[in-house]
Amino acid sequence: MLSKKIKAVGFDVGHTLIKYNNPLNWRSLYKAGLENAAAAADIVLSEDMVSSAEEILLKYNTRVNYREWETSSDCIFNELLKSWGLQADPYTLKKGFYSFFKAGAEPFPEALEVMEKLKRHDIKTGVLTDVAYGMDNEFSLKDISMLSHLIDIALTSVDVGYRKPNSAGFLKLLEHFKVSPNEMIYVGDEEKDIVGAKKLGIVSALISRDGETKDFGQDYTFRSLNDIFSVLEL
């Protein structure tokens, strides 16, 4: 049991609250995503256009080229349009691209019940999530819309300007909740979630639903979001 009562919980989104059908690294699906985007924007793609777009996407792929600073979707998709020699509003193009990768996204079965129970016990909840390719909040936060009434603050790497494990987003959560680091627990599924939390002394929990043993220095390991109640003083 924790030595000091937890007053707030921060969550990652992908593979923590929300289940996605695609791999973390989208590289193998670039062509299909680009075709979906082009169809939405009434653009006919050539093989050369696909190749140039894939090069640009790869440059911004944080699974291949690590960075902590965040970029914007307009920056990426305007660069892509320029490589195609087109002048157009990137909105429809990026909407088609993101919708391809987010198809079928849904909360894990226990997510709603867990969030409702936290709310009933006056535990503040927040989200801090890194987005892919500068994805706008309009698209990225749509996945948690069914939980949004239970979330006190939702922050993305676009809001913060930095990606985990940079401290900026975690500090914003602490500031919003007005709690000390040992009064908050952060739950995520990747090493960067644990490293980012621990740098500030935030209690950390790694969720590993497949049962695989992973040691990133986390304080707790969960198999399900329900496991959070084993460490909270409710």
C-alpha atoms as a PDB file:
ATOM      1  CA  MET A   1       0.000   0.000   0.000  1.00  0.00           C
ATOM      2  CA  LEU A   2       1.182   3.509  -0.792  1.00  0.00           C
ATOM      3  CA  SER A   3       2.555   5.613   2.039  1.00  0.00           C
ATOM      4  CA  LYS A   4       0.626   8.676   0.919  1.00  0.00           C
ATOM      5  CA  LYS A   5      -2.901   8.679  -0.462  1.00  0.00           C
ATOM      6  CA  ILE A   6      -3.124   8.918  -4.238  1.00  0.00           C
ATOM      7  CA  LYS A   7      -5.320  11.823  -5.288  1.00  0.00           C
ATOM      8  CA  ALA A   8      -4.911  11.669  -9.075  1.00  0.00           C
ATOM      9  CA  VAL A   9      -4.322   9.133 -11.832  1.00  0.00           C
ATOM     10  CA  GLY A  10      -2.761   9.864 -15.210  1.00  0.00           C
ATOM     11  CA  PHE A  11      -3.228   7.498 -18.131  1.00  0.00           C
ATOM     12  CA  ASP A  12      -1.584   6.902 -21.452  1.00  0.00           C
ATOM     13  CA  VAL A  13      -4.157   6.245 -24.220  1.00  0.00           C
ATOM     14  CA  GLY A  14      -3.006   3.713 -26.818  1.00  0.00           C
ATOM     15  CA  HIS A  15      -2.875   0.143 -25.498  1.00  0.00           C
ATOM     16  CA  THR A  16      -3.627   1.491 -22.007  1.00  0.00           C
ATOM     17  CA  LEU A  17      -7.173   2.868 -22.218  1.00  0.00           C
ATOM     18  CA  ILE A  18      -7.830   2.236 -25.914  1.00  0.00           C
ATOM     19  CA  LYS A  19      -7.238  -0.879 -28.012  1.00  0.00           C
ATOM     20  CA  TYR A  20      -5.932  -0.341 -31.550  1.00  0.00           C
ATOM     21  CA  ASN A  21      -5.809  -2.876 -34.352  1.00  0.00           C
ATOM     22  CA  ASN A  22      -2.619  -1.582 -35.979  1.00  0.00           C
ATOM     23  CA  PRO A  23       1.033  -1.965 -34.924  1.00  0.00           C
ATOM     24  CA  LEU A  24       2.793   0.824 -33.024  1.00  0.00           C
ATOM     25  CA  ASN A  25       5.019   1.383 -36.055  1.00  0.00           C
ATOM     26  CA  TRP A  26       2.816   2.309 -39.019  1.00  0.00           C
ATOM     27  CA  ARG A  27       5.601   2.009 -41.599  1.00  0.00           C
ATOM     28  CA  SER A  28       4.346  -1.217 -43.180  1.00  0.00           C
ATOM     29  CA  LEU A  29       0.925   0.353 -43.743  1.00  0.00           C
ATOM     30  CA  TYR A  30       1.987   3.706 -45.191  1.00  0.00           C
ATOM     31  CA  LYS A  31       0.835   2.893 -48.729  1.00  0.00           C
ATOM     32  CA  ALA A  32      -2.638   1.775 -47.648  1.00  0.00           C
ATOM     33  CA  GLY A  33      -3.009   4.825 -45.401  1.00  0.00           C
ATOM     34  CA  LEU A  34      -1.884   7.159 -48.177  1.00  0.00           C
ATOM     35  CA  GLU A  35      -4.320   5.584 -50.619  1.00  0.00           C
ATOM     36  CA  ASN A  36      -7.142   6.149 -48.139  1.00  0.00           C
ATOM     37  CA  ALA A  37      -6.038   9.748 -47.662  1.00  0.00           C
ATOM     38  CA  ALA A  38      -5.727  10.407 -51.392  1.00  0.00           C
ATOM     39  CA  ALA A  39      -9.168   8.943 -52.085  1.00  0.00           C
ATOM     40  CA  ALA A  40     -10.695  11.231 -49.447  1.00  0.00           C
ATOM     41  CA  ALA A  41      -9.039  14.253 -51.093  1.00  0.00           C
ATOM     42  CA  ASP A  42      -9.798  13.157 -54.691  1.00  0.00           C
ATOM     43  CA  ILE A  43      -6.107  12.827 -55.486  1.00  0.00           C
ATOM     44  CA  VAL A  44      -4.834  10.149 -57.863  1.00  0.00           C
ATOM     45  CA  LEU A  45      -1.560   8.726 -56.577  1.00  0.00           C
ATOM     46  CA  SER A  46       1.338   7.583 -58.725  1.00  0.00           C
ATOM     47  CA  GLU A  47       4.027   5.232 -57.443  1.00  0.00           C
ATOM     48  CA  ASP A  48       6.457   8.175 -57.340  1.00  0.00           C
ATOM     49  CA  MET A  49       4.016  10.139 -55.189  1.00  0.00           C
ATOM     50  CA  VAL A  50       3.676   7.209 -52.800  1.00  0.00           C
ATOM     51  CA  SER A  51       7.459   6.858 -52.572  1.00  0.00           C
ATOM     52  CA  SER A  52       8.056  10.540 -51.821  1.00  0.00           C
ATOM     53  CA  ALA A  53       5.295  10.562 -49.204  1.00  0.00           C
ATOM     54  CA  GLU A  54       6.686   7.443 -47.541  1.00  0.00           C
ATOM     55  CA  GLU A  55      10.092   9.129 -47.223  1.00  0.00           C
ATOM     56  CA  ILE A  56       8.526  12.116 -45.489  1.00  0.00           C
ATOM     57  CA  LEU A  57       6.434   9.979 -43.153  1.00  0.00           C
ATOM     58  CA  LEU A  58       9.465   7.888 -42.260  1.00  0.00           C
ATOM     59  CA  LYS A  59      11.349  11.052 -41.321  1.00  0.00           C
ATOM     60  CA  TYR A  60       8.635  11.858 -38.764  1.00  0.00           C
ATOM     61  CA  ASN A  61       8.219   8.260 -37.576  1.00  0.00           C
ATOM     62  CA  THR A  62       9.268   8.352 -33.920  1.00  0.00           C
ATOM     63  CA  ARG A  63       9.529   4.560 -33.834  1.00  0.00           C
ATOM     64  CA  VAL A  64      12.413   4.892 -36.308  1.00  0.00           C
ATOM     65  CA  ASN A  65      13.717   8.414 -35.744  1.00  0.00           C
ATOM     66  CA  TYR A  66      13.469   9.267 -32.060  1.00  0.00           C
ATOM     67  CA  ARG A  67      12.648  12.802 -30.974  1.00  0.00           C
ATOM     68  CA  GLU A  68      11.182  14.402 -27.875  1.00  0.00           C
ATOM     69  CA  TRP A  69       9.940  17.588 -29.505  1.00  0.00           C
ATOM     70  CA  GLU A  70       6.580  17.458 -31.259  1.00  0.00           C
ATOM     71  CA  THR A  71       5.603  18.690 -34.689  1.00  0.00           C
ATOM     72  CA  SER A  72       2.232  19.560 -36.218  1.00  0.00           C
ATOM     73  CA  SER A  73       0.168  17.638 -38.731  1.00  0.00           C
ATOM     74  CA  ASP A  74       0.038  20.693 -41.011  1.00  0.00           C
ATOM     75  CA  CYS A  75       3.837  20.781 -41.111  1.00  0.00           C
ATOM     76  CA  ILE A  76       3.986  17.128 -42.196  1.00  0.00           C
ATOM     77  CA  PHE A  77       1.122  17.142 -44.686  1.00  0.00           C
ATOM     78  CA  ASN A  78       2.049  20.468 -46.273  1.00  0.00           C
ATOM     79  CA  GLU A  79       5.524  19.016 -46.829  1.00  0.00           C
ATOM     80  CA  LEU A  80       3.899  15.966 -48.372  1.00  0.00           C
ATOM     81  CA  LEU A  81       1.706  18.071 -50.678  1.00  0.00           C
ATOM     82  CA  LYS A  82       4.723  20.145 -51.719  1.00  0.00           C
ATOM     83  CA  SER A  83       6.569  16.962 -52.698  1.00  0.00           C
ATOM     84  CA  TRP A  84       3.591  16.145 -54.944  1.00  0.00           C
ATOM     85  CA  GLY A  85       3.602  19.621 -56.487  1.00  0.00           C
ATOM     86  CA  LEU A  86       0.099  20.326 -55.176  1.00  0.00           C
ATOM     87  CA  GLN A  87      -1.324  23.325 -53.363  1.00  0.00           C
ATOM     88  CA  ALA A  88      -4.299  22.313 -51.248  1.00  0.00           C
ATOM     89  CA  ASP A  89      -5.729  22.437 -47.754  1.00  0.00           C
ATOM     90  CA  PRO A  90      -4.187  19.412 -45.995  1.00  0.00           C
ATOM     91  CA  TYR A  91      -7.239  18.857 -43.777  1.00  0.00           C
ATOM     92  CA  THR A  92      -9.094  16.278 -45.898  1.00  0.00           C
ATOM     93  CA  LEU A  93      -5.869  14.468 -46.712  1.00  0.00           C
ATOM     94  CA  LYS A  94      -4.762  14.062 -43.112  1.00  0.00           C
ATOM     95  CA  LYS A  95      -8.305  13.192 -41.998  1.00  0.00           C
ATOM     96  CA  GLY A  96      -8.329  10.305 -44.476  1.00  0.00           C
ATOM     97  CA  PHE A  97      -4.856   9.193 -43.385  1.00  0.00           C
ATOM     98  CA  TYR A  98      -5.593   9.201 -39.662  1.00  0.00           C
ATOM     99  CA  SER A  99      -9.004   7.548 -40.050  1.00  0.00           C
ATOM    100  CA  PHE A 100      -7.378   4.575 -41.765  1.00  0.00           C
ATOM    101  CA  PHE A 101      -5.096   3.880 -38.812  1.00  0.00           C
ATOM    102  CA  LYS A 102      -7.710   4.553 -36.148  1.00  0.00           C
ATOM    103  CA  ALA A 103     -10.426   2.333 -37.627  1.00  0.00           C
ATOM    104  CA  GLY A 104     -11.895  -0.041 -35.068  1.00  0.00           C
ATOM    105  CA  ALA A 105     -10.329   1.657 -32.049  1.00  0.00           C
ATOM    106  CA  GLU A 106     -12.276   0.969 -28.855  1.00  0.00           C
ATOM    107  CA  PRO A 107     -11.809   1.199 -25.086  1.00  0.00           C
ATOM    108  CA  PHE A 108     -10.606  -1.891 -23.271  1.00  0.00           C
ATOM    109  CA  PRO A 109     -13.596  -3.680 -21.683  1.00  0.00           C
ATOM    110  CA  GLU A 110     -12.838  -2.523 -18.138  1.00  0.00           C
ATOM    111  CA  ALA A 111     -11.953   1.095 -18.967  1.00  0.00           C
ATOM    112  CA  LEU A 112     -15.359   2.721 -18.455  1.00  0.00           C
ATOM    113  CA  GLU A 113     -16.072   0.905 -15.185  1.00  0.00           C
ATOM    114  CA  VAL A 114     -12.641   1.776 -13.800  1.00  0.00           C
ATOM    115  CA  MET A 115     -12.988   5.451 -14.689  1.00  0.00           C
ATOM    116  CA  GLU A 116     -16.469   5.594 -13.170  1.00  0.00           C
ATOM    117  CA  LYS A 117     -15.236   4.058  -9.925  1.00  0.00           C
ATOM    118  CA  LEU A 118     -12.338   6.521  -9.715  1.00  0.00           C
ATOM    119  CA  LYS A 119     -14.782   9.376 -10.221  1.00  0.00           C
ATOM    120  CA  ARG A 120     -17.082   8.073  -7.480  1.00  0.00           C
ATOM    121  CA  HIS A 121     -14.143   8.097  -5.072  1.00  0.00           C
ATOM    122  CA  ASP A 122     -13.136  11.652  -6.030  1.00  0.00           C
ATOM    123  CA  ILE A 123      -9.878  10.557  -7.642  1.00  0.00           C
ATOM    124  CA  LYS A 124      -8.916  13.050 -10.343  1.00  0.00           C
ATOM    125  CA  THR A 125      -8.082  11.544 -13.729  1.00  0.00           C
ATOM    126  CA  GLY A 126      -6.103  12.810 -16.685  1.00  0.00           C
ATOM    127  CA  VAL A 127      -4.662  11.671 -19.972  1.00  0.00           C
ATOM    128  CA  LEU A 128      -1.178  12.327 -21.317  1.00  0.00           C
ATOM    129  CA  THR A 129      -0.576  10.741 -24.691  1.00  0.00           C
ATOM    130  CA  ASP A 130       1.922  10.991 -27.522  1.00  0.00           C
ATOM    131  CA  VAL A 131       0.300  11.221 -30.948  1.00  0.00           C
ATOM    132  CA  ALA A 132       1.508   9.909 -34.282  1.00  0.00           C
ATOM    133  CA  TYR A 133       2.606  12.323 -37.016  1.00  0.00           C
ATOM    134  CA  GLY A 134       1.441  15.457 -35.189  1.00  0.00           C
ATOM    135  CA  MET A 135      -2.162  14.260 -35.110  1.00  0.00           C
ATOM    136  CA  ASP A 136      -4.604  17.041 -34.206  1.00  0.00           C
ATOM    137  CA  ASN A 137      -6.666  16.672 -31.031  1.00  0.00           C
ATOM    138  CA  GLU A 138      -9.781  16.588 -33.200  1.00  0.00           C
ATOM    139  CA  PHE A 139      -8.684  13.160 -34.372  1.00  0.00           C
ATOM    140  CA  SER A 140      -6.553  11.813 -31.526  1.00  0.00           C
ATOM    141  CA  LEU A 141      -8.963  12.551 -28.667  1.00  0.00           C
ATOM    142  CA  LYS A 142     -11.958  11.182 -30.558  1.00  0.00           C
ATOM    143  CA  ASP A 143     -10.897   7.734 -29.360  1.00  0.00           C
ATOM    144  CA  ILE A 144     -11.589   8.642 -25.725  1.00  0.00           C
ATOM    145  CA  SER A 145     -14.840  10.529 -26.413  1.00  0.00           C
ATOM    146  CA  MET A 146     -16.873   7.867 -24.603  1.00  0.00           C
ATOM    147  CA  LEU A 147     -14.709   8.444 -21.510  1.00  0.00           C
ATOM    148  CA  SER A 148     -14.269  12.214 -21.767  1.00  0.00           C
ATOM    149  CA  HIS A 149     -17.001  13.020 -19.220  1.00  0.00           C
ATOM    150  CA  LEU A 150     -14.914  11.137 -16.663  1.00  0.00           C
ATOM    151  CA  ILE A 151     -11.561  12.738 -17.525  1.00  0.00           C
ATOM    152  CA  ASP A 152     -10.563  15.996 -15.860  1.00  0.00           C
ATOM    153  CA  ILE A 153      -7.811  16.915 -18.320  1.00  0.00           C
ATOM    154  CA  ALA A 154      -6.629  15.448 -21.629  1.00  0.00           C
ATOM    155  CA  LEU A 155      -3.197  16.435 -22.929  1.00  0.00           C
ATOM    156  CA  THR A 156      -1.457  15.320 -26.097  1.00  0.00           C
ATOM    157  CA  SER A 157       2.136  15.812 -27.184  1.00  0.00           C
ATOM    158  CA  VAL A 158       0.825  18.480 -29.589  1.00  0.00           C
ATOM    159  CA  ASP A 159      -0.611  20.431 -26.624  1.00  0.00           C
ATOM    160  CA  VAL A 160       2.600  20.063 -24.632  1.00  0.00           C
ATOM    161  CA  GLY A 161       5.111  20.499 -27.456  1.00  0.00           C
ATOM    162  CA  TYR A 162       7.144  17.513 -26.289  1.00  0.00           C
ATOM    163  CA  ARG A 163       6.850  13.741 -26.252  1.00  0.00           C
ATOM    164  CA  LYS A 164       7.398  11.371 -23.353  1.00  0.00           C
ATOM    165  CA  PRO A 165       9.636  10.793 -21.469  1.00  0.00           C
ATOM    166  CA  ASN A 166      10.124  14.587 -21.495  1.00  0.00           C
ATOM    167  CA  SER A 167       8.851  16.011 -18.200  1.00  0.00           C
ATOM    168  CA  ALA A 168       6.708  18.801 -19.680  1.00  0.00           C
ATOM    169  CA  GLY A 169       3.446  16.852 -19.935  1.00  0.00           C
ATOM    170  CA  PHE A 170       3.805  15.207 -16.545  1.00  0.00           C
ATOM    171  CA  LEU A 171       4.426  18.610 -14.961  1.00  0.00           C
ATOM    172  CA  LYS A 172       1.256  19.950 -16.583  1.00  0.00           C
ATOM    173  CA  LEU A 173      -0.737  17.093 -15.060  1.00  0.00           C
ATOM    174  CA  LEU A 174       0.693  17.764 -11.591  1.00  0.00           C
ATOM    175  CA  GLU A 175       0.020  21.481 -11.948  1.00  0.00           C
ATOM    176  CA  HIS A 176      -3.557  20.915 -13.056  1.00  0.00           C
ATOM    177  CA  PHE A 177      -4.283  18.475 -10.242  1.00  0.00           C
ATOM    178  CA  LYS A 178      -2.413  20.576  -7.682  1.00  0.00           C
ATOM    179  CA  VAL A 179      -0.826  17.445  -6.188  1.00  0.00           C
ATOM    180  CA  SER A 180       2.707  16.410  -5.311  1.00  0.00           C
ATOM    181  CA  PRO A 181       4.365  13.664  -7.395  1.00  0.00           C
ATOM    182  CA  ASN A 182       3.824  10.982  -4.743  1.00  0.00           C
ATOM    183  CA  GLU A 183       0.093  11.794  -4.740  1.00  0.00           C
ATOM    184  CA  MET A 184      -0.275  10.807  -8.390  1.00  0.00           C
ATOM    185  CA  ILE A 185       0.093   7.501 -10.220  1.00  0.00           C
ATOM    186  CA  TYR A 186       0.710   7.309 -13.973  1.00  0.00           C
ATOM    187  CA  VAL A 187      -0.313   4.210 -15.936  1.00  0.00           C
ATOM    188  CA  GLY A 188       1.172   3.389 -19.338  1.00  0.00           C
ATOM    189  CA  ASP A 189       2.297   0.480 -21.474  1.00  0.00           C
ATOM    190  CA  GLU A 190       5.765   1.612 -22.628  1.00  0.00           C
ATOM    191  CA  GLU A 191       9.177   2.326 -21.165  1.00  0.00           C
ATOM    192  CA  LYS A 192       8.865   6.052 -21.887  1.00  0.00           C
ATOM    193  CA  ASP A 193       5.744   6.208 -19.681  1.00  0.00           C
ATOM    194  CA  ILE A 194       7.638   4.777 -16.726  1.00  0.00           C
ATOM    195  CA  VAL A 195      10.835   6.760 -17.288  1.00  0.00           C
ATOM    196  CA  GLY A 196       8.930  10.033 -17.651  1.00  0.00           C
ATOM    197  CA  ALA A 197       6.948   9.478 -14.454  1.00  0.00           C
ATOM    198  CA  LYS A 198       9.914   8.327 -12.392  1.00  0.00           C
ATOM    199  CA  LYS A 199      12.037  11.351 -13.350  1.00  0.00           C
ATOM    200  CA  LEU A 200       9.626  13.482 -11.339  1.00  0.00           C
ATOM    201  CA  GLY A 201       8.952  11.010  -8.542  1.00  0.00           C
ATOM    202  CA  ILE A 202       5.461  10.165  -9.801  1.00  0.00           C
ATOM    203  CA  VAL A 203       4.270   6.692  -8.828  1.00  0.00           C
ATOM    204  CA  SER A 204       4.446   4.533 -11.951  1.00  0.00           C
ATOM    205  CA  ALA A 205       2.517   1.508 -13.176  1.00  0.00           C
ATOM    206  CA  LEU A 206       3.207  -0.502 -16.321  1.00  0.00           C
ATOM    207  CA  ILE A 207       0.201  -2.225 -17.848  1.00  0.00           C
ATOM    208  CA  SER A 208       1.163  -5.504 -19.519  1.00  0.00           C
ATOM    209  CA  ARG A 209      -1.975  -7.351 -20.564  1.00  0.00           C
ATOM    210  CA  ASP A 210      -0.111 -10.144 -22.336  1.00  0.00           C
ATOM    211  CA  GLY A 211       1.582 -11.157 -19.097  1.00  0.00           C
ATOM    212  CA  GLU A 212       5.069 -10.576 -20.507  1.00  0.00           C
ATOM    213  CA  THR A 213       7.586  -9.627 -17.821  1.00  0.00           C
ATOM    214  CA  LYS A 214       9.045  -6.175 -18.435  1.00  0.00           C
ATOM    215  CA  ASP A 215      11.160  -4.233 -15.987  1.00  0.00           C
ATOM    216  CA  PHE A 216      11.484  -0.513 -16.678  1.00  0.00           C
ATOM    217  CA  GLY A 217      11.798   0.324 -12.988  1.00  0.00           C
ATOM    218  CA  GLN A 218       8.043   0.703 -12.521  1.00  0.00           C
ATOM    219  CA  ASP A 219       6.559   0.702  -9.032  1.00  0.00           C
ATOM    220  CA  TYR A 220       3.735  -1.612 -10.084  1.00  0.00           C
ATOM    221  CA  THR A 221       2.812  -3.903 -12.947  1.00  0.00           C
ATOM    222  CA  PHE A 222      -0.845  -4.287 -13.915  1.00  0.00           C
ATOM    223  CA  ARG A 223      -2.472  -6.972 -16.065  1.00  0.00           C
ATOM    224  CA  SER A 224      -5.684  -4.965 -16.249  1.00  0.00           C
ATOM    225  CA  LEU A 225      -6.788  -1.443 -15.373  1.00  0.00           C
ATOM    226  CA  ASN A 226      -8.735  -3.001 -12.500  1.00  0.00           C
ATOM    227  CA  ASP A 227      -5.416  -3.697 -10.783  1.00  0.00           C
ATOM    228  CA  ILE A 228      -5.137  -0.014  -9.911  1.00  0.00           C
ATOM    229  CA  PHE A 229      -7.564  -0.577  -7.039  1.00  0.00           C
ATOM    230  CA  SER A 230      -5.094  -2.925  -5.379  1.00  0.00           C
ATOM    231  CA  VAL A 231      -2.802   0.033  -4.707  1.00  0.00           C
ATOM    232  CA  LEU A 232      -5.246   2.874  -4.048  1.00  0.00           C
ATOM    233  CA  GLU A 233      -6.532   3.671  -0.572  1.00  0.00           C
ATOM    234  CA  LEU A 234     -10.228   3.823  -1.406  1.00  0.00           C
END
